[in-house]
Amino acid sequence: MTLKDGKTGMTLKIVKIHESDLKQRMMTMGLIPGTKVKVLRSAPLGDPIAIGVRSYNLALRKADAENIEVQQVS
């Protein structure tokens, strides 16, 4: 499952970040394996999505969220 597939309200744990141009940038922002994130909402047309990471909110395009492999926690 990827972060792109997450639904509003789901809590997910990052398993792996696949290679991409933004991998290092995403890891700098706190998206590292083992981190729990919560899907907060998505824009009216579905892109981007807002997630809660640690103590802040982050908006990601679905194309970038597709590179983040996650597993559902709750």
PDB file of N, CA and C in Angstrom:
ATOM      1  N   MET A   1       0.857  -1.174   0.000  1.00  0.00           N
ATOM      2  CA  MET A   1       0.000   0.000   0.000  1.00  0.00           C
ATOM      3  C   MET A   1       0.902   1.235   0.000  1.00  0.00           C
ATOM      4  N   THR A   2       0.488   2.256  -0.718  1.00  0.00           N
ATOM      5  CA  THR A   2       1.245   3.507  -0.719  1.00  0.00           C
ATOM      6  C   THR A   2       0.452   4.602  -0.017  1.00  0.00           C
ATOM      7  N   LEU A   3       1.125   5.671   0.324  1.00  0.00           N
ATOM      8  CA  LEU A   3       0.466   6.793   0.995  1.00  0.00           C
ATOM      9  C   LEU A   3      -0.647   7.370   0.131  1.00  0.00           C
ATOM     10  N   LYS A   4      -0.508   7.264  -1.170  1.00  0.00           N
ATOM     11  CA  LYS A   4      -1.536   7.735  -2.104  1.00  0.00           C
ATOM     12  C   LYS A   4      -2.868   7.027  -1.865  1.00  0.00           C
ATOM     13  N   ASP A   5      -2.828   5.762  -1.442  1.00  0.00           N
ATOM     14  CA  ASP A   5      -4.027   4.952  -1.233  1.00  0.00           C
ATOM     15  C   ASP A   5      -4.702   5.209   0.119  1.00  0.00           C
ATOM     16  N   GLY A   6      -4.047   5.971   0.997  1.00  0.00           N
ATOM     17  CA  GLY A   6      -4.603   6.235   2.325  1.00  0.00           C
ATOM     18  C   GLY A   6      -5.875   7.058   2.251  1.00  0.00           C
ATOM     19  N   LYS A   7      -6.809   6.745   3.131  1.00  0.00           N
ATOM     20  CA  LYS A   7      -8.085   7.466   3.198  1.00  0.00           C
ATOM     21  C   LYS A   7      -8.069   8.419   4.384  1.00  0.00           C
ATOM     22  N   THR A   8      -8.891   9.447   4.339  1.00  0.00           N
ATOM     23  CA  THR A   8      -8.977  10.433   5.412  1.00  0.00           C
ATOM     24  C   THR A   8      -9.220   9.751   6.757  1.00  0.00           C
ATOM     25  N   GLY A   9      -8.419  10.119   7.750  1.00  0.00           N
ATOM     26  CA  GLY A   9      -8.563   9.572   9.097  1.00  0.00           C
ATOM     27  C   GLY A   9      -7.671   8.373   9.391  1.00  0.00           C
ATOM     28  N   MET A  10      -7.060   7.790   8.382  1.00  0.00           N
ATOM     29  CA  MET A  10      -6.209   6.624   8.585  1.00  0.00           C
ATOM     30  C   MET A  10      -4.874   7.019   9.209  1.00  0.00           C
ATOM     31  N   THR A  11      -4.397   6.188  10.133  1.00  0.00           N
ATOM     32  CA  THR A  11      -3.050   6.344  10.677  1.00  0.00           C
ATOM     33  C   THR A  11      -2.193   5.263  10.042  1.00  0.00           C
ATOM     34  N   LEU A  12      -1.078   5.685   9.472  1.00  0.00           N
ATOM     35  CA  LEU A  12      -0.216   4.793   8.713  1.00  0.00           C
ATOM     36  C   LEU A  12       1.216   4.892   9.214  1.00  0.00           C
ATOM     37  N   LYS A  13       1.975   3.816   9.023  1.00  0.00           N
ATOM     38  CA  LYS A  13       3.393   3.825   9.378  1.00  0.00           C
ATOM     39  C   LYS A  13       4.200   3.687   8.100  1.00  0.00           C
ATOM     40  N   ILE A  14       5.185   4.548   7.935  1.00  0.00           N
ATOM     41  CA  ILE A  14       6.032   4.512   6.741  1.00  0.00           C
ATOM     42  C   ILE A  14       6.948   3.296   6.805  1.00  0.00           C
ATOM     43  N   VAL A  15       6.928   2.514   5.739  1.00  0.00           N
ATOM     44  CA  VAL A  15       7.761   1.320   5.647  1.00  0.00           C
ATOM     45  C   VAL A  15       9.007   1.601   4.812  1.00  0.00           C
ATOM     46  N   LYS A  16       8.808   2.274   3.668  1.00  0.00           N
ATOM     47  CA  LYS A  16       9.917   2.511   2.753  1.00  0.00           C
ATOM     48  C   LYS A  16       9.599   3.699   1.851  1.00  0.00           C
ATOM     49  N   ILE A  17      10.630   4.439   1.490  1.00  0.00           N
ATOM     50  CA  ILE A  17      10.489   5.505   0.509  1.00  0.00           C
ATOM     51  C   ILE A  17      11.273   5.081  -0.720  1.00  0.00           C
ATOM     52  N   HIS A  18      10.583   4.932  -1.821  1.00  0.00           N
ATOM     53  CA  HIS A  18      11.221   4.506  -3.062  1.00  0.00           C
ATOM     54  C   HIS A  18      12.060   5.640  -3.642  1.00  0.00           C
ATOM     55  N   GLU A  19      13.030   5.282  -4.451  1.00  0.00           N
ATOM     56  CA  GLU A  19      13.910   6.274  -5.068  1.00  0.00           C
ATOM     57  C   GLU A  19      13.112   7.250  -5.928  1.00  0.00           C
ATOM     58  N   SER A  20      13.371   8.524  -5.735  1.00  0.00           N
ATOM     59  CA  SER A  20      12.757   9.579  -6.537  1.00  0.00           C
ATOM     60  C   SER A  20      13.604  10.830  -6.386  1.00  0.00           C
ATOM     61  N   ASP A  21      13.276  11.841  -7.162  1.00  0.00           N
ATOM     62  CA  ASP A  21      14.002  13.106  -7.083  1.00  0.00           C
ATOM     63  C   ASP A  21      13.813  13.781  -5.728  1.00  0.00           C
ATOM     64  N   LEU A  22      12.686  13.520  -5.081  1.00  0.00           N
ATOM     65  CA  LEU A  22      12.372  14.181  -3.812  1.00  0.00           C
ATOM     66  C   LEU A  22      12.627  13.323  -2.579  1.00  0.00           C
ATOM     67  N   LYS A  23      13.241  12.163  -2.727  1.00  0.00           N
ATOM     68  CA  LYS A  23      13.431  11.263  -1.580  1.00  0.00           C
ATOM     69  C   LYS A  23      14.176  11.953  -0.439  1.00  0.00           C
ATOM     70  N   GLN A  24      15.295  12.574  -0.732  1.00  0.00           N
ATOM     71  CA  GLN A  24      16.076  13.231   0.314  1.00  0.00           C
ATOM     72  C   GLN A  24      15.298  14.368   0.958  1.00  0.00           C
ATOM     73  N   ARG A  25      14.568  15.121   0.165  1.00  0.00           N
ATOM     74  CA  ARG A  25      13.772  16.243   0.687  1.00  0.00           C
ATOM     75  C   ARG A  25      12.675  15.738   1.618  1.00  0.00           C
ATOM     76  N   MET A  26      11.996  14.655   1.230  1.00  0.00           N
ATOM     77  CA  MET A  26      10.933  14.094   2.066  1.00  0.00           C
ATOM     78  C   MET A  26      11.499  13.570   3.385  1.00  0.00           C
ATOM     79  N   MET A  27      12.668  12.938   3.323  1.00  0.00           N
ATOM     80  CA  MET A  27      13.280  12.431   4.548  1.00  0.00           C
ATOM     81  C   MET A  27      13.705  13.578   5.460  1.00  0.00           C
ATOM     82  N   THR A  28      14.150  14.683   4.892  1.00  0.00           N
ATOM     83  CA  THR A  28      14.519  15.861   5.680  1.00  0.00           C
ATOM     84  C   THR A  28      13.304  16.432   6.399  1.00  0.00           C
ATOM     85  N   MET A  29      12.130  16.314   5.791  1.00  0.00           N
ATOM     86  CA  MET A  29      10.899  16.827   6.395  1.00  0.00           C
ATOM     87  C   MET A  29      10.306  15.858   7.423  1.00  0.00           C
ATOM     88  N   GLY A  30      10.981  14.749   7.698  1.00  0.00           N
ATOM     89  CA  GLY A  30      10.524  13.838   8.738  1.00  0.00           C
ATOM     90  C   GLY A  30       9.838  12.588   8.241  1.00  0.00           C
ATOM     91  N   LEU A  31       9.747  12.391   6.947  1.00  0.00           N
ATOM     92  CA  LEU A  31       9.124  11.183   6.406  1.00  0.00           C
ATOM     93  C   LEU A  31      10.190  10.101   6.299  1.00  0.00           C
ATOM     94  N   ILE A  32      10.451   9.445   7.421  1.00  0.00           N
ATOM     95  CA  ILE A  32      11.449   8.384   7.443  1.00  0.00           C
ATOM     96  C   ILE A  32      10.777   7.078   7.856  1.00  0.00           C
ATOM     97  N   PRO A  33      11.333   5.933   7.437  1.00  0.00           N
ATOM     98  CA  PRO A  33      10.733   4.646   7.809  1.00  0.00           C
ATOM     99  C   PRO A  33      10.534   4.524   9.318  1.00  0.00           C
ATOM    100  N   GLY A  34       9.360   4.044   9.713  1.00  0.00           N
ATOM    101  CA  GLY A  34       9.008   3.885  11.114  1.00  0.00           C
ATOM    102  C   GLY A  34       8.160   5.021  11.654  1.00  0.00           C
ATOM    103  N   THR A  35       8.087   6.130  10.953  1.00  0.00           N
ATOM    104  CA  THR A  35       7.311   7.288  11.395  1.00  0.00           C
ATOM    105  C   THR A  35       5.825   7.074  11.115  1.00  0.00           C
ATOM    106  N   LYS A  36       4.991   7.425  12.087  1.00  0.00           N
ATOM    107  CA  LYS A  36       3.544   7.342  11.898  1.00  0.00           C
ATOM    108  C   LYS A  36       3.038   8.651  11.319  1.00  0.00           C
ATOM    109  N   VAL A  37       2.145   8.550  10.356  1.00  0.00           N
ATOM    110  CA  VAL A  37       1.522   9.727   9.747  1.00  0.00           C
ATOM    111  C   VAL A  37       0.010   9.522   9.742  1.00  0.00           C
ATOM    112  N   LYS A  38      -0.716  10.617   9.747  1.00  0.00           N
ATOM    113  CA  LYS A  38      -2.178  10.536   9.693  1.00  0.00           C
ATOM    114  C   LYS A  38      -2.655  11.291   8.469  1.00  0.00           C
ATOM    115  N   VAL A  39      -3.526  10.665   7.692  1.00  0.00           N
ATOM    116  CA  VAL A  39      -4.101  11.319   6.524  1.00  0.00           C
ATOM    117  C   VAL A  39      -5.201  12.245   7.027  1.00  0.00           C
ATOM    118  N   LEU A  40      -5.029  13.546   6.815  1.00  0.00           N
ATOM    119  CA  LEU A  40      -5.969  14.537   7.340  1.00  0.00           C
ATOM    120  C   LEU A  40      -7.108  14.830   6.375  1.00  0.00           C
ATOM    121  N   ARG A  41      -6.774  15.109   5.123  1.00  0.00           N
ATOM    122  CA  ARG A  41      -7.807  15.429   4.128  1.00  0.00           C
ATOM    123  C   ARG A  41      -7.159  15.497   2.757  1.00  0.00           C
ATOM    124  N   SER A  42      -8.004  15.599   1.748  1.00  0.00           N
ATOM    125  CA  SER A  42      -7.490  15.800   0.397  1.00  0.00           C
ATOM    126  C   SER A  42      -8.225  16.984  -0.230  1.00  0.00           C
ATOM    127  N   ALA A  43      -7.607  17.570  -1.220  1.00  0.00           N
ATOM    128  CA  ALA A  43      -8.210  18.716  -1.903  1.00  0.00           C
ATOM    129  C   ALA A  43      -9.474  18.262  -2.626  1.00  0.00           C
ATOM    130  N   PRO A  44     -10.339  19.193  -2.985  1.00  0.00           N
ATOM    131  CA  PRO A  44     -11.607  18.835  -3.641  1.00  0.00           C
ATOM    132  C   PRO A  44     -11.454  17.928  -4.866  1.00  0.00           C
ATOM    133  N   LEU A  45     -10.421  18.105  -5.633  1.00  0.00           N
ATOM    134  CA  LEU A  45     -10.213  17.237  -6.794  1.00  0.00           C
ATOM    135  C   LEU A  45      -9.290  16.065  -6.478  1.00  0.00           C
ATOM    136  N   GLY A  46      -8.940  15.895  -5.191  1.00  0.00           N
ATOM    137  CA  GLY A  46      -8.161  14.743  -4.766  1.00  0.00           C
ATOM    138  C   GLY A  46      -6.662  14.949  -4.733  1.00  0.00           C
ATOM    139  N   ASP A  47      -6.169  16.060  -5.217  1.00  0.00           N
ATOM    140  CA  ASP A  47      -4.727  16.264  -5.244  1.00  0.00           C
ATOM    141  C   ASP A  47      -4.433  17.706  -4.898  1.00  0.00           C
ATOM    142  N   PRO A  48      -3.661  18.053  -3.913  1.00  0.00           N
ATOM    143  CA  PRO A  48      -2.815  17.210  -3.075  1.00  0.00           C
ATOM    144  C   PRO A  48      -3.565  16.644  -1.862  1.00  0.00           C
ATOM    145  N   ILE A  49      -2.835  15.864  -1.066  1.00  0.00           N
ATOM    146  CA  ILE A  49      -3.386  15.347   0.181  1.00  0.00           C
ATOM    147  C   ILE A  49      -2.631  15.978   1.343  1.00  0.00           C
ATOM    148  N   ALA A  50      -3.316  16.156   2.459  1.00  0.00           N
ATOM    149  CA  ALA A  50      -2.694  16.718   3.659  1.00  0.00           C
ATOM    150  C   ALA A  50      -2.489  15.599   4.665  1.00  0.00           C
ATOM    151  N   ILE A  51      -1.275  15.531   5.238  1.00  0.00           N
ATOM    152  CA  ILE A  51      -0.972  14.517   6.243  1.00  0.00           C
ATOM    153  C   ILE A  51      -0.395  15.198   7.476  1.00  0.00           C
ATOM    154  N   GLY A  52      -0.592  14.568   8.606  1.00  0.00           N
ATOM    155  CA  GLY A  52       0.013  15.033   9.850  1.00  0.00           C
ATOM    156  C   GLY A  52       1.249  14.202  10.123  1.00  0.00           C
ATOM    157  N   VAL A  53       2.388  14.870  10.245  1.00  0.00           N
ATOM    158  CA  VAL A  53       3.666  14.204  10.502  1.00  0.00           C
ATOM    159  C   VAL A  53       4.255  14.813  11.759  1.00  0.00           C
ATOM    160  N   ARG A  54       4.467  13.995  12.775  1.00  0.00           N
ATOM    161  CA  ARG A  54       4.998  14.467  14.051  1.00  0.00           C
ATOM    162  C   ARG A  54       4.173  15.643  14.554  1.00  0.00           C
ATOM    163  N   SER A  55       4.694  16.858  14.573  1.00  0.00           N
ATOM    164  CA  SER A  55       3.932  17.983  15.137  1.00  0.00           C
ATOM    165  C   SER A  55       3.511  19.012  14.094  1.00  0.00           C
ATOM    166  N   TYR A  56       3.491  18.631  12.814  1.00  0.00           N
ATOM    167  CA  TYR A  56       3.082  19.594  11.795  1.00  0.00           C
ATOM    168  C   TYR A  56       2.301  18.912  10.679  1.00  0.00           C
ATOM    169  N   ASN A  57       1.679  19.723   9.826  1.00  0.00           N
ATOM    170  CA  ASN A  57       0.916  19.221   8.684  1.00  0.00           C
ATOM    171  C   ASN A  57       1.710  19.454   7.411  1.00  0.00           C
ATOM    172  N   LEU A  58       1.569  18.528   6.472  1.00  0.00           N
ATOM    173  CA  LEU A  58       2.319  18.580   5.229  1.00  0.00           C
ATOM    174  C   LEU A  58       1.389  18.232   4.079  1.00  0.00           C
ATOM    175  N   ALA A  59       1.483  18.965   2.986  1.00  0.00           N
ATOM    176  CA  ALA A  59       0.700  18.667   1.791  1.00  0.00           C
ATOM    177  C   ALA A  59       1.627  18.019   0.765  1.00  0.00           C
ATOM    178  N   LEU A  60       1.171  16.910   0.196  1.00  0.00           N
ATOM    179  CA  LEU A  60       1.943  16.179  -0.808  1.00  0.00           C
ATOM    180  C   LEU A  60       1.102  15.939  -2.045  1.00  0.00           C
ATOM    181  N   ARG A  61       1.726  16.045  -3.207  1.00  0.00           N
ATOM    182  CA  ARG A  61       1.042  15.647  -4.435  1.00  0.00           C
ATOM    183  C   ARG A  61       0.908  14.130  -4.423  1.00  0.00           C
ATOM    184  N   LYS A  62      -0.149  13.624  -5.038  1.00  0.00           N
ATOM    185  CA  LYS A  62      -0.357  12.184  -5.074  1.00  0.00           C
ATOM    186  C   LYS A  62       0.772  11.467  -5.808  1.00  0.00           C
ATOM    187  N   ALA A  63       1.365  12.118  -6.808  1.00  0.00           N
ATOM    188  CA  ALA A  63       2.482  11.514  -7.535  1.00  0.00           C
ATOM    189  C   ALA A  63       3.667  11.278  -6.605  1.00  0.00           C
ATOM    190  N   ASP A  64       3.879  12.174  -5.640  1.00  0.00           N
ATOM    191  CA  ASP A  64       4.963  12.003  -4.677  1.00  0.00           C
ATOM    192  C   ASP A  64       4.565  11.003  -3.587  1.00  0.00           C
ATOM    193  N   ALA A  65       3.303  11.026  -3.170  1.00  0.00           N
ATOM    194  CA  ALA A  65       2.822  10.100  -2.144  1.00  0.00           C
ATOM    195  C   ALA A  65       2.870   8.653  -2.630  1.00  0.00           C
ATOM    196  N   GLU A  66       2.839   8.467  -3.937  1.00  0.00           N
ATOM    197  CA  GLU A  66       2.887   7.126  -4.510  1.00  0.00           C
ATOM    198  C   GLU A  66       4.245   6.455  -4.277  1.00  0.00           C
ATOM    199  N   ASN A  67       5.276   7.250  -3.982  1.00  0.00           N
ATOM    200  CA  ASN A  67       6.613   6.713  -3.746  1.00  0.00           C
ATOM    201  C   ASN A  67       6.853   6.320  -2.294  1.00  0.00           C
ATOM    202  N   ILE A  68       5.846   6.496  -1.444  1.00  0.00           N
ATOM    203  CA  ILE A  68       5.993   6.185  -0.018  1.00  0.00           C
ATOM    204  C   ILE A  68       5.163   4.957   0.311  1.00  0.00           C
ATOM    205  N   GLU A  69       5.841   3.882   0.651  1.00  0.00           N
ATOM    206  CA  GLU A  69       5.164   2.626   1.007  1.00  0.00           C
ATOM    207  C   GLU A  69       4.819   2.668   2.493  1.00  0.00           C
ATOM    208  N   VAL A  70       3.573   2.318   2.822  1.00  0.00           N
ATOM    209  CA  VAL A  70       3.090   2.393   4.208  1.00  0.00           C
ATOM    210  C   VAL A  70       2.325   1.128   4.574  1.00  0.00           C
ATOM    211  N   GLN A  71       2.094   0.986   5.879  1.00  0.00           N
ATOM    212  CA  GLN A  71       1.181  -0.059   6.355  1.00  0.00           C
ATOM    213  C   GLN A  71       0.230   0.584   7.342  1.00  0.00           C
ATOM    214  N   GLN A  72      -0.980   0.078   7.383  1.00  0.00           N
ATOM    215  CA  GLN A  72      -2.011   0.682   8.230  1.00  0.00           C
ATOM    216  C   GLN A  72      -1.788   0.311   9.681  1.00  0.00           C
ATOM    217  N   VAL A  73      -1.900   1.319  10.560  1.00  0.00           N
ATOM    218  CA  VAL A  73      -1.774   1.109  11.994  1.00  0.00           C
ATOM    219  C   VAL A  73      -3.166   1.068  12.613  1.00  0.00           C
ATOM    220  N   SER A  74      -4.040   2.010  12.241  1.00  0.00           N
ATOM    221  CA  SER A  74      -5.420   2.024  12.738  1.00  0.00           C
ATOM    222  C   SER A  74      -6.316   2.760  11.771  1.00  0.00           C
TER     223      SER A  74
END
